[in-house]
Amino acid sequence: RQLDGVQEVWVAEDGELGLELLASRSVDLVLLDLML
């Protein structure tokens, strides 16, 4: 959130919630933990 050019950061605790957020948000890039 402190980086230039970043307007919004949504967070999710698991893949299922992440996929739900993707379906309802306009996301440009996903940062994804491998061991979820």
PDB file of all heavy atoms in Angstrom:
ATOM      1  N   ARG A   1       0.819  -1.218   0.000  1.00  0.00           N
ATOM      2  CA  ARG A   1       0.000   0.000   0.000  1.00  0.00           C
ATOM      3  C   ARG A   1       0.848   1.261   0.000  1.00  0.00           C
ATOM      4  O   ARG A   1       0.357   2.344  -0.336  1.00  0.00           O
ATOM      5  CB  ARG A   1      -0.946  -0.012   1.204  1.00  0.00           C
ATOM      6  CG  ARG A   1      -2.035  -1.087   1.112  1.00  0.00           C
ATOM      7  CD  ARG A   1      -3.015  -1.027   2.256  1.00  0.00           C
ATOM      8  NE  ARG A   1      -4.081  -2.017   2.087  1.00  0.00           N
ATOM      9  CZ  ARG A   1      -4.236  -3.082   2.866  1.00  0.00           C
ATOM     10  NH1 ARG A   1      -3.407  -3.286   3.895  1.00  0.00           N
ATOM     11  NH2 ARG A   1      -5.213  -3.937   2.639  1.00  0.00           N
ATOM     12  N   GLN A   2       2.116   1.141   0.352  1.00  0.00           N
ATOM     13  CA  GLN A   2       3.008   2.294   0.368  1.00  0.00           C
ATOM     14  C   GLN A   2       3.728   2.513  -0.958  1.00  0.00           C
ATOM     15  O   GLN A   2       4.396   3.533  -1.136  1.00  0.00           O
ATOM     16  CB  GLN A   2       4.054   2.123   1.486  1.00  0.00           C
ATOM     17  CG  GLN A   2       3.451   2.125   2.889  1.00  0.00           C
ATOM     18  CD  GLN A   2       4.477   1.771   3.959  1.00  0.00           C
ATOM     19  OE1 GLN A   2       5.560   1.278   3.668  1.00  0.00           O
ATOM     20  NE2 GLN A   2       4.121   2.020   5.212  1.00  0.00           N
ATOM     21  N   LEU A   3       3.573   1.582  -1.892  1.00  0.00           N
ATOM     22  CA  LEU A   3       4.283   1.681  -3.165  1.00  0.00           C
ATOM     23  C   LEU A   3       3.572   2.637  -4.111  1.00  0.00           C
ATOM     24  O   LEU A   3       2.351   2.711  -4.143  1.00  0.00           O
ATOM     25  CB  LEU A   3       4.386   0.300  -3.819  1.00  0.00           C
ATOM     26  CG  LEU A   3       5.125  -0.788  -3.038  1.00  0.00           C
ATOM     27  CD1 LEU A   3       5.125  -2.092  -3.828  1.00  0.00           C
ATOM     28  CD2 LEU A   3       6.555  -0.354  -2.736  1.00  0.00           C
ATOM     29  N   ASP A   4       4.366   3.368  -4.890  1.00  0.00           N
ATOM     30  CA  ASP A   4       3.803   4.254  -5.895  1.00  0.00           C
ATOM     31  C   ASP A   4       3.020   3.442  -6.928  1.00  0.00           C
ATOM     32  O   ASP A   4       3.456   2.378  -7.360  1.00  0.00           O
ATOM     33  CB  ASP A   4       4.913   5.029  -6.615  1.00  0.00           C
ATOM     34  CG  ASP A   4       5.587   6.054  -5.716  1.00  0.00           C
ATOM     35  OD1 ASP A   4       4.965   6.453  -4.714  1.00  0.00           O
ATOM     36  OD2 ASP A   4       6.731   6.442  -6.016  1.00  0.00           O
ATOM     37  N   GLY A   5       1.888   3.950  -7.304  1.00  0.00           N
ATOM     38  CA  GLY A   5       1.093   3.291  -8.341  1.00  0.00           C
ATOM     39  C   GLY A   5       0.122   2.252  -7.829  1.00  0.00           C
ATOM     40  O   GLY A   5      -0.664   1.713  -8.615  1.00  0.00           O
ATOM     41  N   VAL A   6       0.158   1.941  -6.552  1.00  0.00           N
ATOM     42  CA  VAL A   6      -0.770   0.956  -5.980  1.00  0.00           C
ATOM     43  C   VAL A   6      -1.968   1.693  -5.389  1.00  0.00           C
ATOM     44  O   VAL A   6      -1.829   2.485  -4.461  1.00  0.00           O
ATOM     45  CB  VAL A   6      -0.081   0.099  -4.899  1.00  0.00           C
ATOM     46  CG1 VAL A   6      -1.099  -0.813  -4.220  1.00  0.00           C
ATOM     47  CG2 VAL A   6       1.041  -0.718  -5.513  1.00  0.00           C
ATOM     48  N   GLN A   7      -3.134   1.448  -5.975  1.00  0.00           N
ATOM     49  CA  GLN A   7      -4.350   2.112  -5.501  1.00  0.00           C
ATOM     50  C   GLN A   7      -5.107   1.287  -4.455  1.00  0.00           C
ATOM     51  O   GLN A   7      -5.737   1.832  -3.562  1.00  0.00           O
ATOM     52  CB  GLN A   7      -5.303   2.382  -6.675  1.00  0.00           C
ATOM     53  CG  GLN A   7      -4.886   3.531  -7.580  1.00  0.00           C
ATOM     54  CD  GLN A   7      -3.845   3.116  -8.584  1.00  0.00           C
ATOM     55  OE1 GLN A   7      -3.923   2.041  -9.157  1.00  0.00           O
ATOM     56  NE2 GLN A   7      -2.844   3.962  -8.799  1.00  0.00           N
ATOM     57  N   GLU A   8      -5.049  -0.039  -4.592  1.00  0.00           N
ATOM     58  CA  GLU A   8      -5.840  -0.888  -3.700  1.00  0.00           C
ATOM     59  C   GLU A   8      -5.142  -2.228  -3.504  1.00  0.00           C
ATOM     60  O   GLU A   8      -4.543  -2.763  -4.437  1.00  0.00           O
ATOM     61  CB  GLU A   8      -7.232  -1.106  -4.302  1.00  0.00           C
ATOM     62  CG  GLU A   8      -8.207  -1.863  -3.419  1.00  0.00           C
ATOM     63  CD  GLU A   8      -8.620  -1.070  -2.193  1.00  0.00           C
ATOM     64  OE1 GLU A   8      -9.288  -0.034  -2.347  1.00  0.00           O
ATOM     65  OE2 GLU A   8      -8.239  -1.490  -1.082  1.00  0.00           O
ATOM     66  N   VAL A   9      -5.223  -2.742  -2.287  1.00  0.00           N
ATOM     67  CA  VAL A   9      -4.713  -4.080  -1.988  1.00  0.00           C
ATOM     68  C   VAL A   9      -5.798  -4.833  -1.227  1.00  0.00           C
ATOM     69  O   VAL A   9      -6.136  -4.487  -0.097  1.00  0.00           O
ATOM     70  CB  VAL A   9      -3.426  -4.042  -1.139  1.00  0.00           C
ATOM     71  CG1 VAL A   9      -2.947  -5.468  -0.844  1.00  0.00           C
ATOM     72  CG2 VAL A   9      -2.328  -3.250  -1.843  1.00  0.00           C
ATOM     73  N   TRP A  10      -6.370  -5.844  -1.877  1.00  0.00           N
ATOM     74  CA  TRP A  10      -7.310  -6.713  -1.198  1.00  0.00           C
ATOM     75  C   TRP A  10      -6.557  -7.933  -0.678  1.00  0.00           C
ATOM     76  O   TRP A  10      -5.556  -8.349  -1.268  1.00  0.00           O
ATOM     77  CB  TRP A  10      -8.421  -7.165  -2.144  1.00  0.00           C
ATOM     78  CG  TRP A  10      -9.330  -6.043  -2.549  1.00  0.00           C
ATOM     79  CD1 TRP A  10     -10.246  -5.384  -1.784  1.00  0.00           C
ATOM     80  CD2 TRP A  10      -9.402  -5.428  -3.852  1.00  0.00           C
ATOM     81  NE1 TRP A  10     -10.876  -4.407  -2.511  1.00  0.00           N
ATOM     82  CE2 TRP A  10     -10.387  -4.411  -3.783  1.00  0.00           C
ATOM     83  CE3 TRP A  10      -8.736  -5.641  -5.059  1.00  0.00           C
ATOM     84  CZ2 TRP A  10     -10.720  -3.606  -4.873  1.00  0.00           C
ATOM     85  CZ3 TRP A  10      -9.065  -4.840  -6.151  1.00  0.00           C
ATOM     86  CH2 TRP A  10     -10.037  -3.843  -6.056  1.00  0.00           C
ATOM     87  N   VAL A  11      -7.033  -8.516   0.411  1.00  0.00           N
ATOM     88  CA  VAL A  11      -6.356  -9.662   0.997  1.00  0.00           C
ATOM     89  C   VAL A  11      -7.346 -10.815   1.188  1.00  0.00           C
ATOM     90  O   VAL A  11      -8.538 -10.604   1.419  1.00  0.00           O
ATOM     91  CB  VAL A  11      -5.691  -9.311   2.350  1.00  0.00           C
ATOM     92  CG1 VAL A  11      -4.599  -8.279   2.163  1.00  0.00           C
ATOM     93  CG2 VAL A  11      -6.721  -8.816   3.357  1.00  0.00           C
ATOM     94  N   ALA A  12      -6.816 -12.024   1.077  1.00  0.00           N
ATOM     95  CA  ALA A  12      -7.602 -13.237   1.312  1.00  0.00           C
ATOM     96  C   ALA A  12      -6.710 -14.243   2.020  1.00  0.00           C
ATOM     97  O   ALA A  12      -5.490 -14.268   1.795  1.00  0.00           O
ATOM     98  CB  ALA A  12      -8.121 -13.815   0.000  1.00  0.00           C
ATOM     99  N   GLU A  13      -7.299 -15.079   2.868  1.00  0.00           N
ATOM    100  CA  GLU A  13      -6.528 -16.022   3.668  1.00  0.00           C
ATOM    101  C   GLU A  13      -6.410 -17.399   3.031  1.00  0.00           C
ATOM    102  O   GLU A  13      -5.647 -18.228   3.508  1.00  0.00           O
ATOM    103  CB  GLU A  13      -7.134 -16.145   5.065  1.00  0.00           C
ATOM    104  CG  GLU A  13      -7.063 -14.852   5.869  1.00  0.00           C
ATOM    105  CD  GLU A  13      -7.633 -14.999   7.259  1.00  0.00           C
ATOM    106  OE1 GLU A  13      -8.160 -16.089   7.570  1.00  0.00           O
ATOM    107  OE2 GLU A  13      -7.544 -14.035   8.038  1.00  0.00           O
ATOM    108  N   ASP A  14      -7.168 -17.651   1.962  1.00  0.00           N
ATOM    109  CA  ASP A  14      -7.069 -18.943   1.296  1.00  0.00           C
ATOM    110  C   ASP A  14      -7.486 -18.793  -0.160  1.00  0.00           C
ATOM    111  O   ASP A  14      -7.994 -17.745  -0.578  1.00  0.00           O
ATOM    112  CB  ASP A  14      -7.903 -20.019   1.995  1.00  0.00           C
ATOM    113  CG  ASP A  14      -9.368 -19.641   2.134  1.00  0.00           C
ATOM    114  OD1 ASP A  14      -9.973 -19.208   1.121  1.00  0.00           O
ATOM    115  OD2 ASP A  14      -9.933 -19.780   3.236  1.00  0.00           O
ATOM    116  N   GLY A  15      -7.263 -19.864  -0.938  1.00  0.00           N
ATOM    117  CA  GLY A  15      -7.542 -19.806  -2.357  1.00  0.00           C
ATOM    118  C   GLY A  15      -9.012 -19.628  -2.679  1.00  0.00           C
ATOM    119  O   GLY A  15      -9.370 -18.900  -3.610  1.00  0.00           O
ATOM    120  N   GLU A  16      -9.882 -20.279  -1.922  1.00  0.00           N
ATOM    121  CA  GLU A  16     -11.314 -20.180  -2.190  1.00  0.00           C
ATOM    122  C   GLU A  16     -11.796 -18.740  -2.047  1.00  0.00           C
ATOM    123  O   GLU A  16     -12.514 -18.226  -2.921  1.00  0.00           O
ATOM    124  CB  GLU A  16     -12.100 -21.088  -1.236  1.00  0.00           C
ATOM    125  CG  GLU A  16     -11.926 -22.581  -1.498  1.00  0.00           C
ATOM    126  CD  GLU A  16     -10.724 -23.186  -0.766  1.00  0.00           C
ATOM    127  OE1 GLU A  16      -9.870 -22.410  -0.281  1.00  0.00           O
ATOM    128  OE2 GLU A  16     -10.652 -24.421  -0.682  1.00  0.00           O
ATOM    129  N   LEU A  17     -11.395 -18.081  -0.964  1.00  0.00           N
ATOM    130  CA  LEU A  17     -11.800 -16.686  -0.755  1.00  0.00           C
ATOM    131  C   LEU A  17     -11.153 -15.789  -1.815  1.00  0.00           C
ATOM    132  O   LEU A  17     -11.779 -14.849  -2.311  1.00  0.00           O
ATOM    133  CB  LEU A  17     -11.402 -16.221   0.645  1.00  0.00           C
ATOM    134  CG  LEU A  17     -11.746 -14.766   1.003  1.00  0.00           C
ATOM    135  CD1 LEU A  17     -13.241 -14.508   0.833  1.00  0.00           C
ATOM    136  CD2 LEU A  17     -11.310 -14.449   2.430  1.00  0.00           C
ATOM    137  N   GLY A  18      -9.925 -16.115  -2.176  1.00  0.00           N
ATOM    138  CA  GLY A  18      -9.251 -15.339  -3.211  1.00  0.00           C
ATOM    139  C   GLY A  18      -9.993 -15.392  -4.530  1.00  0.00           C
ATOM    140  O   GLY A  18     -10.172 -14.367  -5.210  1.00  0.00           O
ATOM    141  N   LEU A  19     -10.452 -16.571  -4.915  1.00  0.00           N
ATOM    142  CA  LEU A  19     -11.202 -16.725  -6.163  1.00  0.00           C
ATOM    143  C   LEU A  19     -12.532 -15.978  -6.100  1.00  0.00           C
ATOM    144  O   LEU A  19     -12.978 -15.402  -7.105  1.00  0.00           O
ATOM    145  CB  LEU A  19     -11.430 -18.204  -6.462  1.00  0.00           C
ATOM    146  CG  LEU A  19     -10.171 -19.018  -6.790  1.00  0.00           C
ATOM    147  CD1 LEU A  19     -10.504 -20.499  -6.882  1.00  0.00           C
ATOM    148  CD2 LEU A  19      -9.525 -18.534  -8.086  1.00  0.00           C
ATOM    149  N   GLU A  20     -13.160 -15.970  -4.928  1.00  0.00           N
ATOM    150  CA  GLU A  20     -14.409 -15.217  -4.761  1.00  0.00           C
ATOM    151  C   GLU A  20     -14.161 -13.719  -4.944  1.00  0.00           C
ATOM    152  O   GLU A  20     -14.952 -13.027  -5.605  1.00  0.00           O
ATOM    153  CB  GLU A  20     -15.009 -15.482  -3.382  1.00  0.00           C
ATOM    154  CG  GLU A  20     -15.568 -16.885  -3.202  1.00  0.00           C
ATOM    155  CD  GLU A  20     -16.128 -17.101  -1.807  1.00  0.00           C
ATOM    156  OE1 GLU A  20     -16.244 -16.100  -1.057  1.00  0.00           O
ATOM    157  OE2 GLU A  20     -16.451 -18.247  -1.460  1.00  0.00           O
ATOM    158  N   LEU A  21     -13.063 -13.223  -4.378  1.00  0.00           N
ATOM    159  CA  LEU A  21     -12.743 -11.807  -4.531  1.00  0.00           C
ATOM    160  C   LEU A  21     -12.442 -11.461  -5.987  1.00  0.00           C
ATOM    161  O   LEU A  21     -12.832 -10.398  -6.478  1.00  0.00           O
ATOM    162  CB  LEU A  21     -11.548 -11.440  -3.642  1.00  0.00           C
ATOM    163  CG  LEU A  21     -11.829 -11.321  -2.142  1.00  0.00           C
ATOM    164  CD1 LEU A  21     -10.537 -11.112  -1.370  1.00  0.00           C
ATOM    165  CD2 LEU A  21     -12.794 -10.172  -1.877  1.00  0.00           C
ATOM    166  N   LEU A  22     -11.760 -12.357  -6.689  1.00  0.00           N
ATOM    167  CA  LEU A  22     -11.452 -12.116  -8.099  1.00  0.00           C
ATOM    168  C   LEU A  22     -12.725 -11.968  -8.925  1.00  0.00           C
ATOM    169  O   LEU A  22     -12.750 -11.212  -9.903  1.00  0.00           O
ATOM    170  CB  LEU A  22     -10.612 -13.263  -8.664  1.00  0.00           C
ATOM    171  CG  LEU A  22      -9.110 -13.227  -8.402  1.00  0.00           C
ATOM    172  CD1 LEU A  22      -8.441 -14.429  -9.046  1.00  0.00           C
ATOM    173  CD2 LEU A  22      -8.491 -11.937  -8.925  1.00  0.00           C
ATOM    174  N   ALA A  23     -13.744 -12.693  -8.545  1.00  0.00           N
ATOM    175  CA  ALA A  23     -14.997 -12.648  -9.299  1.00  0.00           C
ATOM    176  C   ALA A  23     -15.760 -11.348  -9.077  1.00  0.00           C
ATOM    177  O   ALA A  23     -16.631 -11.003  -9.885  1.00  0.00           O
ATOM    178  CB  ALA A  23     -15.874 -13.839  -8.913  1.00  0.00           C
ATOM    179  N   SER A  24     -15.423 -10.629  -8.015  1.00  0.00           N
ATOM    180  CA  SER A  24     -16.188  -9.421  -7.687  1.00  0.00           C
ATOM    181  C   SER A  24     -15.351  -8.149  -7.643  1.00  0.00           C
ATOM    182  O   SER A  24     -15.878  -7.070  -7.378  1.00  0.00           O
ATOM    183  CB  SER A  24     -16.869  -9.610  -6.320  1.00  0.00           C
ATOM    184  OG  SER A  24     -15.901  -9.818  -5.294  1.00  0.00           O
ATOM    185  N   ARG A  25     -14.049  -8.261  -7.934  1.00  0.00           N
ATOM    186  CA  ARG A  25     -13.168  -7.102  -7.905  1.00  0.00           C
ATOM    187  C   ARG A  25     -12.421  -6.968  -9.231  1.00  0.00           C
ATOM    188  O   ARG A  25     -12.212  -7.947  -9.935  1.00  0.00           O
ATOM    189  CB  ARG A  25     -12.134  -7.220  -6.769  1.00  0.00           C
ATOM    190  CG  ARG A  25     -12.694  -7.409  -5.387  1.00  0.00           C
ATOM    191  CD  ARG A  25     -13.331  -6.128  -4.847  1.00  0.00           C
ATOM    192  NE  ARG A  25     -13.621  -6.231  -3.421  1.00  0.00           N
ATOM    193  CZ  ARG A  25     -14.696  -6.779  -2.902  1.00  0.00           C
ATOM    194  NH1 ARG A  25     -15.605  -7.309  -3.709  1.00  0.00           N
ATOM    195  NH2 ARG A  25     -14.888  -6.813  -1.599  1.00  0.00           N
ATOM    196  N   SER A  26     -12.016  -5.757  -9.544  1.00  0.00           N
ATOM    197  CA  SER A  26     -11.202  -5.515 -10.740  1.00  0.00           C
ATOM    198  C   SER A  26      -9.739  -5.534 -10.331  1.00  0.00           C
ATOM    199  O   SER A  26      -9.199  -4.534  -9.848  1.00  0.00           O
ATOM    200  CB  SER A  26     -11.573  -4.168 -11.366  1.00  0.00           C
ATOM    201  OG  SER A  26     -10.788  -3.910 -12.509  1.00  0.00           O
ATOM    202  N   VAL A  27      -9.106  -6.690 -10.503  1.00  0.00           N
ATOM    203  CA  VAL A  27      -7.732  -6.910 -10.032  1.00  0.00           C
ATOM    204  C   VAL A  27      -6.766  -6.884 -11.218  1.00  0.00           C
ATOM    205  O   VAL A  27      -7.076  -7.404 -12.289  1.00  0.00           O
ATOM    206  CB  VAL A  27      -7.633  -8.267  -9.295  1.00  0.00           C
ATOM    207  CG1 VAL A  27      -6.194  -8.576  -8.894  1.00  0.00           C
ATOM    208  CG2 VAL A  27      -8.533  -8.259  -8.069  1.00  0.00           C
ATOM    209  N   ASP A  28      -5.595  -6.276 -11.017  1.00  0.00           N
ATOM    210  CA  ASP A  28      -4.579  -6.211 -12.064  1.00  0.00           C
ATOM    211  C   ASP A  28      -3.518  -7.295 -11.915  1.00  0.00           C
ATOM    212  O   ASP A  28      -2.923  -7.719 -12.920  1.00  0.00           O
ATOM    213  CB  ASP A  28      -3.879  -4.842 -12.041  1.00  0.00           C
ATOM    214  CG  ASP A  28      -4.836  -3.705 -12.315  1.00  0.00           C
ATOM    215  OD1 ASP A  28      -5.561  -3.773 -13.330  1.00  0.00           O
ATOM    216  OD2 ASP A  28      -4.874  -2.753 -11.514  1.00  0.00           O
ATOM    217  N   LEU A  29      -3.270  -7.750 -10.676  1.00  0.00           N
ATOM    218  CA  LEU A  29      -2.211  -8.723 -10.430  1.00  0.00           C
ATOM    219  C   LEU A  29      -2.473  -9.428  -9.110  1.00  0.00           C
ATOM    220  O   LEU A  29      -2.981  -8.818  -8.167  1.00  0.00           O
ATOM    221  CB  LEU A  29      -0.851  -8.019 -10.416  1.00  0.00           C
ATOM    222  CG  LEU A  29       0.409  -8.880 -10.356  1.00  0.00           C
ATOM    223  CD1 LEU A  29       1.556  -8.215 -11.131  1.00  0.00           C
ATOM    224  CD2 LEU A  29       0.856  -9.110  -8.911  1.00  0.00           C
ATOM    225  N   VAL A  30      -2.114 -10.711  -9.063  1.00  0.00           N
ATOM    226  CA  VAL A  30      -2.328 -11.523  -7.859  1.00  0.00           C
ATOM    227  C   VAL A  30      -0.981 -11.925  -7.263  1.00  0.00           C
ATOM    228  O   VAL A  30      -0.106 -12.418  -7.974  1.00  0.00           O
ATOM    229  CB  VAL A  30      -3.138 -12.790  -8.176  1.00  0.00           C
ATOM    230  CG1 VAL A  30      -3.310 -13.646  -6.916  1.00  0.00           C
ATOM    231  CG2 VAL A  30      -4.488 -12.436  -8.779  1.00  0.00           C
ATOM    232  N   LEU A  31      -0.819 -11.692  -5.969  1.00  0.00           N
ATOM    233  CA  LEU A  31       0.329 -12.206  -5.216  1.00  0.00           C
ATOM    234  C   LEU A  31      -0.187 -13.387  -4.408  1.00  0.00           C
ATOM    235  O   LEU A  31      -1.123 -13.243  -3.605  1.00  0.00           O
ATOM    236  CB  LEU A  31       0.915 -11.148  -4.298  1.00  0.00           C
ATOM    237  CG  LEU A  31       1.495  -9.902  -4.987  1.00  0.00           C
ATOM    238  CD1 LEU A  31       0.439  -8.792  -5.041  1.00  0.00           C
ATOM    239  CD2 LEU A  31       2.735  -9.398  -4.252  1.00  0.00           C
ATOM    240  N   LEU A  32       0.409 -14.545  -4.611  1.00  0.00           N
ATOM    241  CA  LEU A  32      -0.171 -15.799  -4.116  1.00  0.00           C
ATOM    242  C   LEU A  32       0.846 -16.617  -3.338  1.00  0.00           C
ATOM    243  O   LEU A  32       1.897 -16.978  -3.864  1.00  0.00           O
ATOM    244  CB  LEU A  32      -0.696 -16.599  -5.311  1.00  0.00           C
ATOM    245  CG  LEU A  32      -1.238 -18.001  -5.061  1.00  0.00           C
ATOM    246  CD1 LEU A  32      -2.472 -17.956  -4.169  1.00  0.00           C
ATOM    247  CD2 LEU A  32      -1.569 -18.673  -6.392  1.00  0.00           C
ATOM    248  N   ASP A  33       0.498 -16.929  -2.093  1.00  0.00           N
ATOM    249  CA  ASP A  33       1.322 -17.815  -1.275  1.00  0.00           C
ATOM    250  C   ASP A  33       1.199 -19.243  -1.801  1.00  0.00           C
ATOM    251  O   ASP A  33       0.103 -19.700  -2.134  1.00  0.00           O
ATOM    252  CB  ASP A  33       0.864 -17.738   0.179  1.00  0.00           C
ATOM    253  CG  ASP A  33       1.658 -18.648   1.103  1.00  0.00           C
ATOM    254  OD1 ASP A  33       2.824 -18.940   0.795  1.00  0.00           O
ATOM    255  OD2 ASP A  33       1.099 -19.074   2.125  1.00  0.00           O
ATOM    256  N   LEU A  34       2.315 -19.940  -1.872  1.00  0.00           N
ATOM    257  CA  LEU A  34       2.298 -21.298  -2.411  1.00  0.00           C
ATOM    258  C   LEU A  34       1.642 -22.293  -1.457  1.00  0.00           C
ATOM    259  O   LEU A  34       0.869 -23.157  -1.877  1.00  0.00           O
ATOM    260  CB  LEU A  34       3.733 -21.749  -2.717  1.00  0.00           C
ATOM    261  CG  LEU A  34       3.900 -23.144  -3.306  1.00  0.00           C
ATOM    262  CD1 LEU A  34       3.210 -23.247  -4.662  1.00  0.00           C
ATOM    263  CD2 LEU A  34       5.380 -23.490  -3.436  1.00  0.00           C
ATOM    264  N   MET A  35       1.944 -22.190  -0.161  1.00  0.00           N
ATOM    265  CA  MET A  35       1.489 -23.184   0.808  1.00  0.00           C
ATOM    266  C   MET A  35       0.236 -22.692   1.533  1.00  0.00           C
ATOM    267  O   MET A  35       0.286 -22.213   2.656  1.00  0.00           O
ATOM    268  CB  MET A  35       2.614 -23.481   1.804  1.00  0.00           C
ATOM    269  CG  MET A  35       3.940 -23.874   1.149  1.00  0.00           C
ATOM    270  SD  MET A  35       3.806 -25.293   0.025  1.00  0.00           S
ATOM    271  CE  MET A  35       3.580 -26.609   1.218  1.00  0.00           C
ATOM    272  N   LEU A  36      -0.892 -22.800   0.842  1.00  0.00           N
ATOM    273  CA  LEU A  36      -2.161 -22.354   1.409  1.00  0.00           C
ATOM    274  C   LEU A  36      -2.959 -23.537   1.946  1.00  0.00           C
ATOM    275  O   LEU A  36      -2.847 -24.648   1.423  1.00  0.00           O
ATOM    276  CB  LEU A  36      -2.993 -21.652   0.342  1.00  0.00           C
ATOM    277  CG  LEU A  36      -2.544 -20.268  -0.132  1.00  0.00           C
ATOM    278  CD1 LEU A  36      -3.408 -19.833  -1.311  1.00  0.00           C
ATOM    279  CD2 LEU A  36      -2.626 -19.248   0.987  1.00  0.00           C
TER     280      LEU A  36
END
